[in-house]
Amino acid sequence: MNIASRLKQARKSRGYTQDSLANAIGVSRGVISNIEYEKAEPQALVIRAICDILRIDEHWLISGEGKMERNSELEKNSRLLSDIYNSAKELSEEEQDYILDMIKTFQKHRESIADNKES
């Protein structure tokens, strides 16, 4: 199985036509068709967009190794950390330090509760 057949498999399993996938990532249908018919090598940017829309693992699409499905827990954690970063970068350094202190205080509190449950 090559990238063309993996793309076609993933696209169909997610219920996309070539047209709908192309529209979703902002390219022409020909881009998707050319990849699936091995007429063109996909650009890295197109691969990333396809994987984001189809929620599939980029390494699997390129190499066929691993699983088609993304690690949803890892993806969720990555999105959460990205959201936290984007929110925090707008704060002053003092505000960022305050938020970090709050997180550390919460962690200590959570650990003490866990310790009490074990006792």
C-alpha atoms as a PDB file:
ATOM      1  CA  MET A   1       0.000   0.000   0.000  1.00  0.00           C
ATOM      2  CA  ASN A   2       1.376   3.432  -0.949  1.00  0.00           C
ATOM      3  CA  ILE A   3       0.479   7.001  -0.010  1.00  0.00           C
ATOM      4  CA  ALA A   4      -2.062   7.164  -2.836  1.00  0.00           C
ATOM      5  CA  SER A   5      -4.020   4.148  -1.636  1.00  0.00           C
ATOM      6  CA  ARG A   6      -3.703   5.171   2.035  1.00  0.00           C
ATOM      7  CA  LEU A   7      -5.087   8.622   1.227  1.00  0.00           C
ATOM      8  CA  LYS A   8      -7.990   7.121  -0.701  1.00  0.00           C
ATOM      9  CA  GLN A   9      -8.724   4.671   2.140  1.00  0.00           C
ATOM     10  CA  ALA A  10      -8.628   7.395   4.798  1.00  0.00           C
ATOM     11  CA  ARG A  11     -10.680   9.826   2.720  1.00  0.00           C
ATOM     12  CA  LYS A  12     -13.419   7.284   2.082  1.00  0.00           C
ATOM     13  CA  SER A  13     -13.430   6.013   5.667  1.00  0.00           C
ATOM     14  CA  ARG A  14     -14.098   9.572   6.829  1.00  0.00           C
ATOM     15  CA  GLY A  15     -16.876  10.074   4.290  1.00  0.00           C
ATOM     16  CA  TYR A  16     -15.114  12.601   2.064  1.00  0.00           C
ATOM     17  CA  THR A  17     -15.201  12.793  -1.696  1.00  0.00           C
ATOM     18  CA  GLN A  18     -12.211  14.169  -3.544  1.00  0.00           C
ATOM     19  CA  ASP A  19     -14.172  17.401  -3.993  1.00  0.00           C
ATOM     20  CA  SER A  20     -15.189  17.747  -0.356  1.00  0.00           C
ATOM     21  CA  LEU A  21     -11.662  17.013   0.914  1.00  0.00           C
ATOM     22  CA  ALA A  22     -10.173  19.478  -1.558  1.00  0.00           C
ATOM     23  CA  ASN A  23     -12.655  22.163  -0.463  1.00  0.00           C
ATOM     24  CA  ALA A  24     -11.951  21.459   3.207  1.00  0.00           C
ATOM     25  CA  ILE A  25      -8.211  22.041   2.800  1.00  0.00           C
ATOM     26  CA  GLY A  26      -8.481  24.819   0.234  1.00  0.00           C
ATOM     27  CA  VAL A  27      -7.045  23.166  -2.861  1.00  0.00           C
ATOM     28  CA  SER A  28      -8.479  22.058  -6.188  1.00  0.00           C
ATOM     29  CA  ARG A  29      -9.935  18.595  -6.656  1.00  0.00           C
ATOM     30  CA  GLY A  30      -7.069  17.956  -9.056  1.00  0.00           C
ATOM     31  CA  VAL A  31      -4.555  18.099  -6.212  1.00  0.00           C
ATOM     32  CA  ILE A  32      -6.310  15.232  -4.402  1.00  0.00           C
ATOM     33  CA  SER A  33      -6.891  13.323  -7.620  1.00  0.00           C
ATOM     34  CA  ASN A  34      -3.247  13.679  -8.678  1.00  0.00           C
ATOM     35  CA  ILE A  35      -2.063  12.325  -5.321  1.00  0.00           C
ATOM     36  CA  GLU A  36      -4.480   9.391  -5.413  1.00  0.00           C
ATOM     37  CA  TYR A  37      -3.551   8.519  -9.007  1.00  0.00           C
ATOM     38  CA  GLU A  38       0.170   8.943  -8.291  1.00  0.00           C
ATOM     39  CA  LYS A  39       0.537  11.795 -10.776  1.00  0.00           C
ATOM     40  CA  ALA A  40       2.069  14.122  -8.175  1.00  0.00           C
ATOM     41  CA  GLU A  41       3.909  13.948  -4.887  1.00  0.00           C
ATOM     42  CA  PRO A  42       1.983  15.804  -2.194  1.00  0.00           C
ATOM     43  CA  GLN A  43       3.607  18.832  -0.622  1.00  0.00           C
ATOM     44  CA  ALA A  44       4.232  18.727   3.130  1.00  0.00           C
ATOM     45  CA  LEU A  45       1.695  21.501   3.700  1.00  0.00           C
ATOM     46  CA  VAL A  46      -0.993  19.537   1.835  1.00  0.00           C
ATOM     47  CA  ILE A  47      -0.189  16.370   3.789  1.00  0.00           C
ATOM     48  CA  ARG A  48      -0.526  18.233   7.098  1.00  0.00           C
ATOM     49  CA  ALA A  49      -3.833  19.756   6.028  1.00  0.00           C
ATOM     50  CA  ILE A  50      -5.188  16.388   4.891  1.00  0.00           C
ATOM     51  CA  CYS A  51      -4.173  14.763   8.170  1.00  0.00           C
ATOM     52  CA  ASP A  52      -5.761  17.558  10.185  1.00  0.00           C
ATOM     53  CA  ILE A  53      -9.061  17.361   8.327  1.00  0.00           C
ATOM     54  CA  LEU A  54      -9.218  13.556   8.255  1.00  0.00           C
ATOM     55  CA  ARG A  55      -7.804  13.253  11.802  1.00  0.00           C
ATOM     56  CA  ILE A  56      -5.221  10.704  10.699  1.00  0.00           C
ATOM     57  CA  ASP A  57      -1.604  10.173  11.651  1.00  0.00           C
ATOM     58  CA  GLU A  58       0.817  11.925   9.290  1.00  0.00           C
ATOM     59  CA  HIS A  59       3.505   9.266   9.715  1.00  0.00           C
ATOM     60  CA  TRP A  60       1.012   6.556   8.747  1.00  0.00           C
ATOM     61  CA  LEU A  61      -0.096   8.460   5.645  1.00  0.00           C
ATOM     62  CA  ILE A  62       3.482   8.979   4.460  1.00  0.00           C
ATOM     63  CA  SER A  63       5.063   5.658   5.400  1.00  0.00           C
ATOM     64  CA  GLY A  64       2.247   3.232   6.134  1.00  0.00           C
ATOM     65  CA  GLU A  65       3.779   2.529   9.546  1.00  0.00           C
ATOM     66  CA  GLY A  66       1.729   2.633  12.721  1.00  0.00           C
ATOM     67  CA  LYS A  67      -1.986   3.217  12.878  1.00  0.00           C
ATOM     68  CA  MET A  68      -4.163   5.393  10.693  1.00  0.00           C
ATOM     69  CA  GLU A  69      -5.889   6.887  13.728  1.00  0.00           C
ATOM     70  CA  ARG A  70      -4.236   9.739  15.532  1.00  0.00           C
ATOM     71  CA  ASN A  71      -3.441   9.368  19.189  1.00  0.00           C
ATOM     72  CA  SER A  72      -6.467  11.339  20.339  1.00  0.00           C
ATOM     73  CA  GLU A  73      -5.170  11.770  23.899  1.00  0.00           C
ATOM     74  CA  LEU A  74      -1.881  13.192  22.631  1.00  0.00           C
ATOM     75  CA  GLU A  75      -3.745  15.411  20.161  1.00  0.00           C
ATOM     76  CA  LYS A  76      -6.080  16.671  22.885  1.00  0.00           C
ATOM     77  CA  ASN A  77      -3.142  17.422  25.198  1.00  0.00           C
ATOM     78  CA  SER A  78      -1.313  19.214  22.413  1.00  0.00           C
ATOM     79  CA  ARG A  79      -4.343  21.383  21.656  1.00  0.00           C
ATOM     80  CA  LEU A  80      -4.808  22.173  25.346  1.00  0.00           C
ATOM     81  CA  LEU A  81      -1.173  23.174  25.792  1.00  0.00           C
ATOM     82  CA  SER A  82      -1.388  25.298  22.670  1.00  0.00           C
ATOM     83  CA  ASP A  83      -4.495  27.054  24.009  1.00  0.00           C
ATOM     84  CA  ILE A  84      -2.793  27.679  27.351  1.00  0.00           C
ATOM     85  CA  TYR A  85       0.283  29.072  25.615  1.00  0.00           C
ATOM     86  CA  ASN A  86      -1.738  31.327  23.314  1.00  0.00           C
ATOM     87  CA  SER A  87      -3.692  32.691  26.272  1.00  0.00           C
ATOM     88  CA  ALA A  88      -0.627  33.170  28.459  1.00  0.00           C
ATOM     89  CA  LYS A  89       1.526  34.913  25.857  1.00  0.00           C
ATOM     90  CA  GLU A  90      -0.833  37.901  25.984  1.00  0.00           C
ATOM     91  CA  LEU A  91      -0.213  38.310  29.729  1.00  0.00           C
ATOM     92  CA  SER A  92       2.564  40.268  31.375  1.00  0.00           C
ATOM     93  CA  GLU A  93       5.485  38.342  32.838  1.00  0.00           C
ATOM     94  CA  GLU A  94       4.123  39.008  36.316  1.00  0.00           C
ATOM     95  CA  GLU A  95       0.714  37.608  35.340  1.00  0.00           C
ATOM     96  CA  GLN A  96       2.343  34.566  33.762  1.00  0.00           C
ATOM     97  CA  ASP A  97       4.289  33.919  36.986  1.00  0.00           C
ATOM     98  CA  TYR A  98       1.049  34.197  38.963  1.00  0.00           C
ATOM     99  CA  ILE A  99      -0.693  31.649  36.738  1.00  0.00           C
ATOM    100  CA  LEU A 100       2.274  29.283  37.000  1.00  0.00           C
ATOM    101  CA  ASP A 101       2.208  29.594  40.794  1.00  0.00           C
ATOM    102  CA  MET A 102      -1.518  28.784  40.771  1.00  0.00           C
ATOM    103  CA  ILE A 103      -0.879  25.646  38.710  1.00  0.00           C
ATOM    104  CA  LYS A 104       1.911  24.512  41.053  1.00  0.00           C
ATOM    105  CA  THR A 105      -0.299  25.162  44.099  1.00  0.00           C
ATOM    106  CA  PHE A 106      -3.083  23.125  42.517  1.00  0.00           C
ATOM    107  CA  GLN A 107      -0.663  20.257  41.803  1.00  0.00           C
ATOM    108  CA  LYS A 108       0.537  20.227  45.428  1.00  0.00           C
ATOM    109  CA  HIS A 109      -3.062  20.260  46.670  1.00  0.00           C
ATOM    110  CA  ARG A 110      -3.983  17.383  44.366  1.00  0.00           C
ATOM    111  CA  GLU A 111      -0.938  15.391  45.529  1.00  0.00           C
ATOM    112  CA  SER A 112      -1.815  15.932  49.189  1.00  0.00           C
ATOM    113  CA  ILE A 113      -5.374  14.716  48.584  1.00  0.00           C
ATOM    114  CA  ALA A 114      -3.998  11.601  46.863  1.00  0.00           C
ATOM    115  CA  ASP A 115      -1.579  11.008  49.768  1.00  0.00           C
ATOM    116  CA  ASN A 116      -4.430  11.315  52.280  1.00  0.00           C
ATOM    117  CA  LYS A 117      -6.517   8.758  50.369  1.00  0.00           C
ATOM    118  CA  GLU A 118      -3.643   6.270  50.435  1.00  0.00           C
ATOM    119  CA  SER A 119      -3.190   6.649  54.228  1.00  0.00           C
END
